Amino acid sequence: MKTLAALSLGALLTMAISASPPLSHIATDPMPTSVTGRFDHLEADPAGNRLFLAAESAHEVLIFNLRTGAYERALGGIGIPHAIFVRDDLHRVYITDGGTGALRIYDGRSYKLLQTVPLKVDADSIGYDPGSHDLYIDNGGGDAHEAFSMFSAVNTETGAKDWEIQIPGETLEAMAVARTQPLVYVNNRARNQVAVVNRGTHAVVASWPITKSKVNVAMALDEAHHRLFVGCREGAIVVLDTASGRELQALPIPTGADDLRFDGSNQRIYAATGSGNGEVTVYQEATPDRYTALGAVASGPGGKNETLAAGRLYVTIPPAKATPGRVLVFRAQ
């Protein structure tokens, strides 16, 4: 019998356990026709009924009504927006600006810019620690003409930079923050490794090599089962054991991943990829050592960014020629 790793991608995606696709497309939310160019991460805010999209080329963040899908407004004047975080309890919105090298903090009701926290250029991916209220941010590296990148912690209540460390390598990507341990797992793309940061001691305590694929950019965590999922643009989700840092297997996906989501409520992994016509590949975690391919659902060209909230998956499809951009909304089945 063939193992999962030995099967082709095409064979895996036909191994659906039922006739129903794993995701049902329930809505398409159009962007303004004036918005063009590239997009990066998006963030759902169920408490505030908002969806935020980082429109890199337009230098703004688009805001949609989460329930109706209607476009509401944009936050403009941002160098290169990359990632968004919302604290509804403080009525604050935090946006990394890779162009100017900063964290921009906005009032979540008036959208007035309240504070700009200086970082290095290419301020990008984020992770939040609800215990310390720190927001962790990748910044610096190659765009700052340095052989190392910065991992910075900004307190979301005070806006002060609590601490930061250097991580060798010119490019850091997505991260995952553990809740039961003081650890943050960070994709060190430049070195094809996962850097493990102890947020209590402010030090890199391990570097785990990724050998089963290349260009590790996306990440998701199943902390309950000690499994870290690393999405690689070469075309795989590499599964690691967080107890040992050992690579366990590689799950095939199309090339061009940028976001990865793990839904603990149904033990599913969603990988959005933008190559070709774009699709979302879905895996079921049957056990921590066994993963079943549920199939792939068509999205759109360039659909590499996704977020998950309240049982719905949101995927950004950027504008292309005469076709306006849109957000596709899926429901798990």
C-alpha atoms as a PDB file:
ATOM      1  CA  MET A   1       0.000   0.000   0.000  1.00  0.00           C
ATOM      2  CA  LYS A   2       1.344   3.438  -0.905  1.00  0.00           C
ATOM      3  CA  THR A   3       2.127   5.896   1.828  1.00  0.00           C
ATOM      4  CA  LEU A   4       0.708   9.418   1.768  1.00  0.00           C
ATOM      5  CA  ALA A   5       4.094  10.892   0.853  1.00  0.00           C
ATOM      6  CA  ALA A   6       4.429   8.527  -2.119  1.00  0.00           C
ATOM      7  CA  LEU A   7       1.170   9.538  -3.757  1.00  0.00           C
ATOM      8  CA  SER A   8       1.024  12.213  -6.431  1.00  0.00           C
ATOM      9  CA  LEU A   9      -0.746  15.500  -5.792  1.00  0.00           C
ATOM     10  CA  GLY A  10      -3.418  14.579  -8.335  1.00  0.00           C
ATOM     11  CA  ALA A  11      -4.062  11.253  -6.610  1.00  0.00           C
ATOM     12  CA  LEU A  12      -4.268  12.896  -3.204  1.00  0.00           C
ATOM     13  CA  LEU A  13      -6.800  15.454  -4.317  1.00  0.00           C
ATOM     14  CA  THR A  14      -9.125  12.761  -5.621  1.00  0.00           C
ATOM     15  CA  MET A  15      -9.073  10.863  -2.328  1.00  0.00           C
ATOM     16  CA  ALA A  16     -12.142  12.683  -0.972  1.00  0.00           C
ATOM     17  CA  ILE A  17     -13.964  10.708   1.679  1.00  0.00           C
ATOM     18  CA  SER A  18     -17.360  11.777   0.323  1.00  0.00           C
ATOM     19  CA  ALA A  19     -18.871  13.251  -2.823  1.00  0.00           C
ATOM     20  CA  SER A  20     -19.158  16.662  -1.185  1.00  0.00           C
ATOM     21  CA  PRO A  21     -16.280  19.135  -1.484  1.00  0.00           C
ATOM     22  CA  PRO A  22     -14.675  20.130   1.834  1.00  0.00           C
ATOM     23  CA  LEU A  23     -15.631  23.780   1.315  1.00  0.00           C
ATOM     24  CA  SER A  24     -18.788  25.359  -0.036  1.00  0.00           C
ATOM     25  CA  HIS A  25     -18.517  28.717  -1.815  1.00  0.00           C
ATOM     26  CA  ILE A  26     -21.228  30.895  -0.255  1.00  0.00           C
ATOM     27  CA  ALA A  27     -20.379  34.473  -1.287  1.00  0.00           C
ATOM     28  CA  THR A  28     -18.244  36.706  -3.493  1.00  0.00           C
ATOM     29  CA  ASP A  29     -17.542  40.196  -2.158  1.00  0.00           C
ATOM     30  CA  PRO A  30     -16.325  42.617  -4.863  1.00  0.00           C
ATOM     31  CA  MET A  31     -13.589  45.182  -4.319  1.00  0.00           C
ATOM     32  CA  PRO A  32     -13.803  48.718  -5.712  1.00  0.00           C
ATOM     33  CA  THR A  33     -12.754  48.754  -9.364  1.00  0.00           C
ATOM     34  CA  SER A  34     -10.204  51.469  -8.572  1.00  0.00           C
ATOM     35  CA  VAL A  35      -8.113  49.052  -6.484  1.00  0.00           C
ATOM     36  CA  THR A  36      -5.336  47.375  -8.456  1.00  0.00           C
ATOM     37  CA  GLY A  37      -2.125  45.476  -7.867  1.00  0.00           C
ATOM     38  CA  ARG A  38      -0.843  43.070  -5.245  1.00  0.00           C
ATOM     39  CA  PHE A  39      -2.370  42.036  -1.929  1.00  0.00           C
ATOM     40  CA  ASP A  40      -0.960  40.516   1.241  1.00  0.00           C
ATOM     41  CA  HIS A  41      -2.590  39.252   4.444  1.00  0.00           C
ATOM     42  CA  LEU A  42      -6.175  39.753   5.601  1.00  0.00           C
ATOM     43  CA  GLU A  43      -7.760  39.713   9.047  1.00  0.00           C
ATOM     44  CA  ALA A  44     -11.320  38.954  10.145  1.00  0.00           C
ATOM     45  CA  ASP A  45     -12.734  40.828  13.141  1.00  0.00           C
ATOM     46  CA  PRO A  46     -16.001  39.054  14.077  1.00  0.00           C
ATOM     47  CA  ALA A  47     -16.604  41.194  17.187  1.00  0.00           C
ATOM     48  CA  GLY A  48     -16.373  44.381  15.141  1.00  0.00           C
ATOM     49  CA  ASN A  49     -18.063  42.855  12.069  1.00  0.00           C
ATOM     50  CA  ARG A  50     -15.144  43.795   9.827  1.00  0.00           C
ATOM     51  CA  LEU A  51     -12.758  42.222   7.360  1.00  0.00           C
ATOM     52  CA  PHE A  52      -9.431  43.946   6.667  1.00  0.00           C
ATOM     53  CA  LEU A  53      -7.385  43.396   3.488  1.00  0.00           C
ATOM     54  CA  ALA A  54      -3.822  44.615   2.969  1.00  0.00           C
ATOM     55  CA  ALA A  55      -3.715  46.152  -0.524  1.00  0.00           C
ATOM     56  CA  GLU A  56       0.052  46.453  -1.004  1.00  0.00           C
ATOM     57  CA  SER A  57       0.160  48.208  -4.368  1.00  0.00           C
ATOM     58  CA  ALA A  58      -2.638  50.629  -3.454  1.00  0.00           C
ATOM     59  CA  HIS A  59      -0.858  51.522  -0.178  1.00  0.00           C
ATOM     60  CA  GLU A  60      -4.039  51.059   1.810  1.00  0.00           C
ATOM     61  CA  VAL A  61      -6.071  48.605   3.872  1.00  0.00           C
ATOM     62  CA  LEU A  62      -9.571  47.855   2.616  1.00  0.00           C
ATOM     63  CA  ILE A  63     -12.364  47.378   5.145  1.00  0.00           C
ATOM     64  CA  PHE A  64     -15.455  45.257   4.417  1.00  0.00           C
ATOM     65  CA  ASN A  65     -18.602  44.483   6.392  1.00  0.00           C
ATOM     66  CA  LEU A  66     -18.041  40.915   7.553  1.00  0.00           C
ATOM     67  CA  ARG A  67     -21.735  39.937   7.497  1.00  0.00           C
ATOM     68  CA  THR A  68     -22.882  41.569   4.270  1.00  0.00           C
ATOM     69  CA  GLY A  69     -19.584  41.609   2.368  1.00  0.00           C
ATOM     70  CA  ALA A  70     -20.098  45.267   1.441  1.00  0.00           C
ATOM     71  CA  TYR A  71     -17.016  47.438   1.001  1.00  0.00           C
ATOM     72  CA  GLU A  72     -17.012  50.224   3.600  1.00  0.00           C
ATOM     73  CA  ARG A  73     -13.825  52.272   3.358  1.00  0.00           C
ATOM     74  CA  ALA A  74     -10.037  52.240   3.125  1.00  0.00           C
ATOM     75  CA  LEU A  75      -7.201  53.322   5.388  1.00  0.00           C
ATOM     76  CA  GLY A  76      -4.801  55.049   3.020  1.00  0.00           C
ATOM     77  CA  GLY A  77      -1.335  56.505   3.099  1.00  0.00           C
ATOM     78  CA  ILE A  78       0.371  53.282   4.192  1.00  0.00           C
ATOM     79  CA  GLY A  79       3.743  52.562   2.587  1.00  0.00           C
ATOM     80  CA  ILE A  80       3.336  48.799   2.066  1.00  0.00           C
ATOM     81  CA  PRO A  81       0.692  47.212   4.328  1.00  0.00           C
ATOM     82  CA  HIS A  82       1.379  43.591   5.186  1.00  0.00           C
ATOM     83  CA  ALA A  83      -0.482  42.292   8.263  1.00  0.00           C
ATOM     84  CA  ILE A  84      -3.366  43.478  10.453  1.00  0.00           C
ATOM     85  CA  PHE A  85      -4.298  42.798  14.074  1.00  0.00           C
ATOM     86  CA  VAL A  86      -7.385  44.048  15.939  1.00  0.00           C
ATOM     87  CA  ARG A  87      -7.975  44.507  19.676  1.00  0.00           C
ATOM     88  CA  ASP A  88     -11.676  45.233  20.038  1.00  0.00           C
ATOM     89  CA  ASP A  89     -11.371  45.620  23.805  1.00  0.00           C
ATOM     90  CA  LEU A  90      -9.105  48.639  23.234  1.00  0.00           C
ATOM     91  CA  HIS A  91     -10.741  49.743  19.967  1.00  0.00           C
ATOM     92  CA  ARG A  92      -7.350  49.558  18.272  1.00  0.00           C
ATOM     93  CA  VAL A  93      -6.205  48.373  14.846  1.00  0.00           C
ATOM     94  CA  TYR A  94      -2.520  47.545  14.270  1.00  0.00           C
ATOM     95  CA  ILE A  95      -1.012  47.439  10.757  1.00  0.00           C
ATOM     96  CA  THR A  96       2.562  46.588   9.799  1.00  0.00           C
ATOM     97  CA  ASP A  97       3.978  48.947   7.175  1.00  0.00           C
ATOM     98  CA  GLY A  98       6.889  47.392   5.327  1.00  0.00           C
ATOM     99  CA  GLY A  99       7.511  50.470   3.225  1.00  0.00           C
ATOM    100  CA  THR A 100       8.287  52.924   6.009  1.00  0.00           C
ATOM    101  CA  GLY A 101       9.297  50.245   8.524  1.00  0.00           C
ATOM    102  CA  ALA A 102       6.734  50.809  11.252  1.00  0.00           C
ATOM    103  CA  LEU A 103       3.733  49.531  13.168  1.00  0.00           C
ATOM    104  CA  ARG A 104       0.802  51.892  12.627  1.00  0.00           C
ATOM    105  CA  ILE A 105      -1.804  52.030  15.402  1.00  0.00           C
ATOM    106  CA  TYR A 106      -5.307  53.332  14.600  1.00  0.00           C
ATOM    107  CA  ASP A 107      -8.407  54.108  16.620  1.00  0.00           C
ATOM    108  CA  GLY A 108     -10.790  51.271  15.754  1.00  0.00           C
ATOM    109  CA  ARG A 109     -13.851  53.537  15.660  1.00  0.00           C
ATOM    110  CA  SER A 110     -12.702  56.776  14.037  1.00  0.00           C
ATOM    111  CA  TYR A 111      -9.733  55.186  12.194  1.00  0.00           C
ATOM    112  CA  LYS A 112      -7.578  58.100  13.254  1.00  0.00           C
ATOM    113  CA  LEU A 113      -3.869  57.297  13.266  1.00  0.00           C
ATOM    114  CA  LEU A 114      -2.875  57.329  16.936  1.00  0.00           C
ATOM    115  CA  GLN A 115       0.759  56.254  16.914  1.00  0.00           C
ATOM    116  CA  THR A 116       3.565  55.068  14.666  1.00  0.00           C
ATOM    117  CA  VAL A 117       6.066  52.696  16.250  1.00  0.00           C
ATOM    118  CA  PRO A 118       9.415  52.816  14.391  1.00  0.00           C
ATOM    119  CA  LEU A 119      10.781  49.470  13.185  1.00  0.00           C
ATOM    120  CA  LYS A 120      12.987  48.498  10.280  1.00  0.00           C
ATOM    121  CA  VAL A 121      11.815  48.347   6.660  1.00  0.00           C
ATOM    122  CA  ASP A 122       9.909  45.249   5.559  1.00  0.00           C
ATOM    123  CA  ALA A 123       7.908  45.078   8.801  1.00  0.00           C
ATOM    124  CA  ASP A 124       5.744  42.138   7.864  1.00  0.00           C
ATOM    125  CA  SER A 125       4.262  39.087   9.627  1.00  0.00           C
ATOM    126  CA  ILE A 126       2.852  39.224  13.153  1.00  0.00           C
ATOM    127  CA  GLY A 127       1.865  37.050  16.096  1.00  0.00           C
ATOM    128  CA  TYR A 128      -0.029  38.009  19.256  1.00  0.00           C
ATOM    129  CA  ASP A 129       0.590  36.933  22.857  1.00  0.00           C
ATOM    130  CA  PRO A 130      -2.621  37.420  24.892  1.00  0.00           C
ATOM    131  CA  GLY A 131      -0.696  36.943  28.141  1.00  0.00           C
ATOM    132  CA  SER A 132       1.764  39.801  27.737  1.00  0.00           C
ATOM    133  CA  HIS A 133      -0.358  41.678  25.160  1.00  0.00           C
ATOM    134  CA  ASP A 134       2.747  41.875  22.984  1.00  0.00           C
ATOM    135  CA  LEU A 135       2.516  41.882  19.215  1.00  0.00           C
ATOM    136  CA  TYR A 136       5.535  40.164  17.641  1.00  0.00           C
ATOM    137  CA  ILE A 137       6.721  41.530  14.298  1.00  0.00           C
ATOM    138  CA  ASP A 138       9.245  40.414  11.677  1.00  0.00           C
ATOM    139  CA  ASN A 139      11.199  43.348  10.244  1.00  0.00           C
ATOM    140  CA  GLY A 140      14.504  44.327   8.688  1.00  0.00           C
ATOM    141  CA  GLY A 141      16.753  41.852   6.911  1.00  0.00           C
ATOM    142  CA  GLY A 142      17.666  42.044   3.251  1.00  0.00           C
ATOM    143  CA  ASP A 143      15.589  45.143   2.517  1.00  0.00           C
ATOM    144  CA  ALA A 144      17.480  46.899   5.327  1.00  0.00           C
ATOM    145  CA  HIS A 145      20.773  45.702   3.760  1.00  0.00           C
ATOM    146  CA  GLU A 146      21.526  43.544   6.773  1.00  0.00           C
ATOM    147  CA  ALA A 147      22.363  39.837   7.049  1.00  0.00           C
ATOM    148  CA  PHE A 148      20.058  39.465  10.052  1.00  0.00           C
ATOM    149  CA  SER A 149      16.370  40.149  10.666  1.00  0.00           C
ATOM    150  CA  MET A 150      14.686  41.686  13.688  1.00  0.00           C
ATOM    151  CA  PHE A 151      12.060  40.008  15.839  1.00  0.00           C
ATOM    152  CA  SER A 152      10.384  42.837  17.750  1.00  0.00           C
ATOM    153  CA  ALA A 153       7.805  42.811  20.556  1.00  0.00           C
ATOM    154  CA  VAL A 154       5.499  45.837  20.786  1.00  0.00           C
ATOM    155  CA  ASN A 155       3.104  46.140  23.717  1.00  0.00           C
ATOM    156  CA  THR A 156      -0.374  46.705  22.278  1.00  0.00           C
ATOM    157  CA  GLU A 157      -1.573  48.571  25.375  1.00  0.00           C
ATOM    158  CA  THR A 158       1.226  51.118  25.635  1.00  0.00           C
ATOM    159  CA  GLY A 159       2.552  51.152  22.081  1.00  0.00           C
ATOM    160  CA  ALA A 160       6.072  50.775  23.504  1.00  0.00           C
ATOM    161  CA  LYS A 161       8.646  48.409  22.049  1.00  0.00           C
ATOM    162  CA  ASP A 162       9.153  45.939  24.904  1.00  0.00           C
ATOM    163  CA  TRP A 163      12.134  44.064  23.465  1.00  0.00           C
ATOM    164  CA  GLU A 164      13.672  42.784  20.251  1.00  0.00           C
ATOM    165  CA  ILE A 165      16.334  40.340  19.128  1.00  0.00           C
ATOM    166  CA  GLN A 166      18.317  39.648  15.985  1.00  0.00           C
ATOM    167  CA  ILE A 167      17.771  36.406  14.084  1.00  0.00           C
ATOM    168  CA  PRO A 168      20.455  35.439  11.519  1.00  0.00           C
ATOM    169  CA  GLY A 169      19.019  35.417   7.991  1.00  0.00           C
ATOM    170  CA  GLU A 170      17.729  38.043   5.600  1.00  0.00           C
ATOM    171  CA  THR A 171      14.050  37.020   5.481  1.00  0.00           C
ATOM    172  CA  LEU A 172      11.608  36.011   8.201  1.00  0.00           C
ATOM    173  CA  GLU A 173       8.039  35.034   7.375  1.00  0.00           C
ATOM    174  CA  ALA A 174       4.936  33.781   9.229  1.00  0.00           C
ATOM    175  CA  MET A 175       5.021  32.771  12.873  1.00  0.00           C
ATOM    176  CA  ALA A 176       2.906  30.816  15.365  1.00  0.00           C
ATOM    177  CA  VAL A 177       2.631  31.692  19.060  1.00  0.00           C
ATOM    178  CA  ALA A 178       2.312  28.798  21.515  1.00  0.00           C
ATOM    179  CA  ARG A 179      -0.074  29.270  24.441  1.00  0.00           C
ATOM    180  CA  THR A 180       1.057  26.560  26.865  1.00  0.00           C
ATOM    181  CA  GLN A 181       4.775  27.289  26.449  1.00  0.00           C
ATOM    182  CA  PRO A 182       6.676  30.603  26.151  1.00  0.00           C
ATOM    183  CA  LEU A 183       7.626  29.803  22.561  1.00  0.00           C
ATOM    184  CA  VAL A 184       7.151  31.438  19.174  1.00  0.00           C
ATOM    185  CA  TYR A 185       7.869  29.459  15.998  1.00  0.00           C
ATOM    186  CA  VAL A 186       9.144  31.688  13.175  1.00  0.00           C
ATOM    187  CA  ASN A 187       9.763  30.801   9.533  1.00  0.00           C
ATOM    188  CA  ASN A 188      13.363  31.717   8.699  1.00  0.00           C
ATOM    189  CA  ARG A 189      12.960  31.551   4.924  1.00  0.00           C
ATOM    190  CA  ALA A 190      16.500  32.690   4.186  1.00  0.00           C
ATOM    191  CA  ARG A 191      17.917  29.626   5.917  1.00  0.00           C
ATOM    192  CA  ASN A 192      15.066  27.184   5.252  1.00  0.00           C
ATOM    193  CA  GLN A 193      14.628  26.768   8.991  1.00  0.00           C
ATOM    194  CA  VAL A 194      12.126  27.338  11.771  1.00  0.00           C
ATOM    195  CA  ALA A 195      13.561  29.560  14.494  1.00  0.00           C
ATOM    196  CA  VAL A 196      12.180  28.835  17.967  1.00  0.00           C
ATOM    197  CA  VAL A 197      12.100  31.979  20.119  1.00  0.00           C
ATOM    198  CA  ASN A 198      11.634  31.843  23.884  1.00  0.00           C
ATOM    199  CA  ARG A 199       9.639  34.965  24.632  1.00  0.00           C
ATOM    200  CA  GLY A 200      10.493  34.707  28.327  1.00  0.00           C
ATOM    201  CA  THR A 201      14.271  34.739  27.891  1.00  0.00           C
ATOM    202  CA  HIS A 202      14.227  36.734  24.617  1.00  0.00           C
ATOM    203  CA  ALA A 203      16.453  34.247  22.852  1.00  0.00           C
ATOM    204  CA  VAL A 204      16.449  31.829  19.927  1.00  0.00           C
ATOM    205  CA  VAL A 205      16.556  28.449  21.650  1.00  0.00           C
ATOM    206  CA  ALA A 206      16.489  26.178  18.582  1.00  0.00           C
ATOM    207  CA  SER A 207      16.684  26.213  14.795  1.00  0.00           C
ATOM    208  CA  TRP A 208      14.899  23.364  13.032  1.00  0.00           C
ATOM    209  CA  PRO A 209      15.900  22.644   9.412  1.00  0.00           C
ATOM    210  CA  ILE A 210      13.224  22.204   6.764  1.00  0.00           C
ATOM    211  CA  THR A 211      14.552  19.620   4.306  1.00  0.00           C
ATOM    212  CA  LYS A 212      11.379  18.144   2.820  1.00  0.00           C
ATOM    213  CA  SER A 213      10.536  21.283   0.837  1.00  0.00           C
ATOM    214  CA  LYS A 214      11.794  24.812   0.180  1.00  0.00           C
ATOM    215  CA  VAL A 215      10.742  28.465   0.576  1.00  0.00           C
ATOM    216  CA  ASN A 216       8.977  28.099   3.935  1.00  0.00           C
ATOM    217  CA  VAL A 217       6.634  31.066   4.272  1.00  0.00           C
ATOM    218  CA  ALA A 218       3.311  30.020   5.831  1.00  0.00           C
ATOM    219  CA  MET A 219       2.675  28.459   9.235  1.00  0.00           C
ATOM    220  CA  ALA A 220      -0.068  27.024  11.449  1.00  0.00           C
ATOM    221  CA  LEU A 221       0.010  25.252  14.796  1.00  0.00           C
ATOM    222  CA  ASP A 222      -1.898  22.375  16.370  1.00  0.00           C
ATOM    223  CA  GLU A 223      -0.576  22.910  19.847  1.00  0.00           C
ATOM    224  CA  ALA A 224      -2.775  20.244  21.466  1.00  0.00           C
ATOM    225  CA  HIS A 225      -1.136  17.526  19.377  1.00  0.00           C
ATOM    226  CA  HIS A 226       2.381  19.063  19.215  1.00  0.00           C
ATOM    227  CA  ARG A 227       2.262  19.554  15.450  1.00  0.00           C
ATOM    228  CA  LEU A 228       3.614  22.507  13.512  1.00  0.00           C
ATOM    229  CA  PHE A 229       2.563  22.918   9.879  1.00  0.00           C
ATOM    230  CA  VAL A 230       4.972  24.796   7.615  1.00  0.00           C
ATOM    231  CA  GLY A 231       3.672  25.862   4.204  1.00  0.00           C
ATOM    232  CA  CYS A 232       6.353  25.972   1.497  1.00  0.00           C
ATOM    233  CA  ARG A 233       5.992  27.722  -1.848  1.00  0.00           C
ATOM    234  CA  GLU A 234       7.797  24.853  -3.554  1.00  0.00           C
ATOM    235  CA  GLY A 235       4.603  22.811  -3.026  1.00  0.00           C
ATOM    236  CA  ALA A 236       4.279  21.126   0.375  1.00  0.00           C
ATOM    237  CA  ILE A 237       3.073  21.416   3.962  1.00  0.00           C
ATOM    238  CA  VAL A 238       5.891  20.066   6.126  1.00  0.00           C
ATOM    239  CA  VAL A 239       4.648  18.568   9.415  1.00  0.00           C
ATOM    240  CA  LEU A 240       6.972  18.907  12.418  1.00  0.00           C
ATOM    241  CA  ASP A 241       6.839  17.488  15.933  1.00  0.00           C
ATOM    242  CA  THR A 242       7.211  20.475  18.276  1.00  0.00           C
ATOM    243  CA  ALA A 243       8.445  18.213  21.063  1.00  0.00           C
ATOM    244  CA  SER A 244      11.561  17.336  19.080  1.00  0.00           C
ATOM    245  CA  GLY A 245      11.673  19.636  16.044  1.00  0.00           C
ATOM    246  CA  ARG A 246      11.750  16.548  13.820  1.00  0.00           C
ATOM    247  CA  GLU A 247      10.178  16.636  10.357  1.00  0.00           C
ATOM    248  CA  LEU A 248       7.533  13.916  10.116  1.00  0.00           C
ATOM    249  CA  GLN A 249       6.180  14.176   6.576  1.00  0.00           C
ATOM    250  CA  ALA A 250       5.389  16.501   3.681  1.00  0.00           C
ATOM    251  CA  LEU A 251       1.813  16.905   2.426  1.00  0.00           C
ATOM    252  CA  PRO A 252       1.647  17.910  -1.266  1.00  0.00           C
ATOM    253  CA  ILE A 253      -0.047  21.181  -2.243  1.00  0.00           C
ATOM    254  CA  PRO A 254       0.250  23.361  -5.366  1.00  0.00           C
ATOM    255  CA  THR A 255       3.035  25.916  -5.542  1.00  0.00           C
ATOM    256  CA  GLY A 256       2.652  29.515  -4.434  1.00  0.00           C
ATOM    257  CA  ALA A 257       1.380  29.224  -0.842  1.00  0.00           C
ATOM    258  CA  ASP A 258       1.391  32.329   1.350  1.00  0.00           C
ATOM    259  CA  ASP A 259      -1.097  31.550   4.146  1.00  0.00           C
ATOM    260  CA  LEU A 260      -1.983  28.408   6.084  1.00  0.00           C
ATOM    261  CA  ARG A 261      -4.824  27.911   8.569  1.00  0.00           C
ATOM    262  CA  PHE A 262      -5.522  25.120  11.052  1.00  0.00           C
ATOM    263  CA  ASP A 263      -9.095  24.754  12.300  1.00  0.00           C
ATOM    264  CA  GLY A 264      -8.959  22.978  15.637  1.00  0.00           C
ATOM    265  CA  SER A 265     -12.737  22.567  15.757  1.00  0.00           C
ATOM    266  CA  ASN A 266     -12.680  20.038  12.919  1.00  0.00           C
ATOM    267  CA  GLN A 267      -8.940  19.239  12.756  1.00  0.00           C
ATOM    268  CA  ARG A 268      -8.517  20.567   9.223  1.00  0.00           C
ATOM    269  CA  ILE A 269      -5.661  22.355   7.468  1.00  0.00           C
ATOM    270  CA  TYR A 270      -6.439  24.911   4.737  1.00  0.00           C
ATOM    271  CA  ALA A 271      -3.698  25.919   2.289  1.00  0.00           C
ATOM    272  CA  ALA A 272      -4.426  28.797  -0.109  1.00  0.00           C
ATOM    273  CA  THR A 273      -2.204  28.792  -3.201  1.00  0.00           C
ATOM    274  CA  GLY A 274      -2.154  31.332  -5.993  1.00  0.00           C
ATOM    275  CA  SER A 275      -0.381  29.513  -8.807  1.00  0.00           C
ATOM    276  CA  GLY A 276      -2.343  28.596 -11.941  1.00  0.00           C
ATOM    277  CA  ASN A 277      -6.050  29.207 -11.454  1.00  0.00           C
ATOM    278  CA  GLY A 278      -5.703  29.218  -7.662  1.00  0.00           C
ATOM    279  CA  GLU A 279      -7.192  26.806  -5.163  1.00  0.00           C
ATOM    280  CA  VAL A 280      -7.562  25.914  -1.495  1.00  0.00           C
ATOM    281  CA  THR A 281      -6.252  22.463  -0.582  1.00  0.00           C
ATOM    282  CA  VAL A 282      -7.810  20.828   2.474  1.00  0.00           C
ATOM    283  CA  TYR A 283      -6.312  18.115   4.692  1.00  0.00           C
ATOM    284  CA  GLN A 284      -7.985  16.295   7.557  1.00  0.00           C
ATOM    285  CA  GLU A 285      -5.827  15.513  10.582  1.00  0.00           C
ATOM    286  CA  ALA A 286      -7.162  12.021  11.359  1.00  0.00           C
ATOM    287  CA  THR A 287      -4.411  11.558  13.952  1.00  0.00           C
ATOM    288  CA  PRO A 288      -1.239  13.571  14.615  1.00  0.00           C
ATOM    289  CA  ASP A 289       0.553  11.133  12.317  1.00  0.00           C
ATOM    290  CA  ARG A 290      -2.092  10.558   9.649  1.00  0.00           C
ATOM    291  CA  TYR A 291      -3.514  13.166   7.256  1.00  0.00           C
ATOM    292  CA  THR A 292      -6.208  12.635   4.650  1.00  0.00           C
ATOM    293  CA  ALA A 293      -6.513  14.815   1.556  1.00  0.00           C
ATOM    294  CA  LEU A 294     -10.131  15.959   1.350  1.00  0.00           C
ATOM    295  CA  GLY A 295      -9.664  17.650  -2.007  1.00  0.00           C
ATOM    296  CA  ALA A 296      -9.079  21.098  -3.471  1.00  0.00           C
ATOM    297  CA  VAL A 297     -11.601  23.866  -4.091  1.00  0.00           C
ATOM    298  CA  ALA A 298     -11.112  26.380  -6.902  1.00  0.00           C
ATOM    299  CA  SER A 299     -10.517  29.985  -5.872  1.00  0.00           C
ATOM    300  CA  GLY A 300      -8.865  32.289  -8.432  1.00  0.00           C
ATOM    301  CA  PRO A 301      -5.486  33.344  -9.868  1.00  0.00           C
ATOM    302  CA  GLY A 302      -3.281  34.854  -7.200  1.00  0.00           C
ATOM    303  CA  GLY A 303      -5.524  33.599  -4.376  1.00  0.00           C
ATOM    304  CA  LYS A 304      -2.674  32.950  -1.947  1.00  0.00           C
ATOM    305  CA  ASN A 305      -3.989  34.773   1.128  1.00  0.00           C
ATOM    306  CA  GLU A 306      -6.682  33.502   3.487  1.00  0.00           C
ATOM    307  CA  THR A 307      -8.063  33.872   6.982  1.00  0.00           C
ATOM    308  CA  LEU A 308     -10.448  31.768   9.040  1.00  0.00           C
ATOM    309  CA  ALA A 309     -13.180  33.000  11.380  1.00  0.00           C
ATOM    310  CA  ALA A 310     -16.352  31.454  12.798  1.00  0.00           C
ATOM    311  CA  GLY A 311     -16.354  28.499  10.414  1.00  0.00           C
ATOM    312  CA  ARG A 312     -15.805  30.631   7.324  1.00  0.00           C
ATOM    313  CA  LEU A 313     -12.695  30.855   5.182  1.00  0.00           C
ATOM    314  CA  TYR A 314     -11.991  34.143   3.384  1.00  0.00           C
ATOM    315  CA  VAL A 315      -9.678  34.184   0.351  1.00  0.00           C
ATOM    316  CA  THR A 316      -8.422  37.315  -1.424  1.00  0.00           C
ATOM    317  CA  ILE A 317      -8.403  37.214  -5.239  1.00  0.00           C
ATOM    318  CA  PRO A 318      -6.431  40.226  -6.529  1.00  0.00           C
ATOM    319  CA  PRO A 319      -7.520  42.249  -9.570  1.00  0.00           C
ATOM    320  CA  ALA A 320      -6.343  40.979 -12.946  1.00  0.00           C
ATOM    321  CA  LYS A 321      -6.518  43.100 -16.111  1.00  0.00           C
ATOM    322  CA  ALA A 322     -10.204  43.980 -16.589  1.00  0.00           C
ATOM    323  CA  THR A 323     -11.401  41.732 -13.746  1.00  0.00           C
ATOM    324  CA  PRO A 324     -11.864  43.544 -10.402  1.00  0.00           C
ATOM    325  CA  GLY A 325     -10.554  42.001  -7.219  1.00  0.00           C
ATOM    326  CA  ARG A 326     -12.834  40.083  -4.876  1.00  0.00           C
ATOM    327  CA  VAL A 327     -13.038  38.178  -1.637  1.00  0.00           C
ATOM    328  CA  LEU A 328     -14.361  34.623  -1.806  1.00  0.00           C
ATOM    329  CA  VAL A 329     -16.176  33.288   1.248  1.00  0.00           C
ATOM    330  CA  PHE A 330     -16.298  29.529   1.912  1.00  0.00           C
ATOM    331  CA  ARG A 331     -18.059  27.478   4.558  1.00  0.00           C
ATOM    332  CA  ALA A 332     -16.647  24.176   5.815  1.00  0.00           C
ATOM    333  CA  GLN A 333     -18.688  21.081   4.969  1.00  0.00           C
END
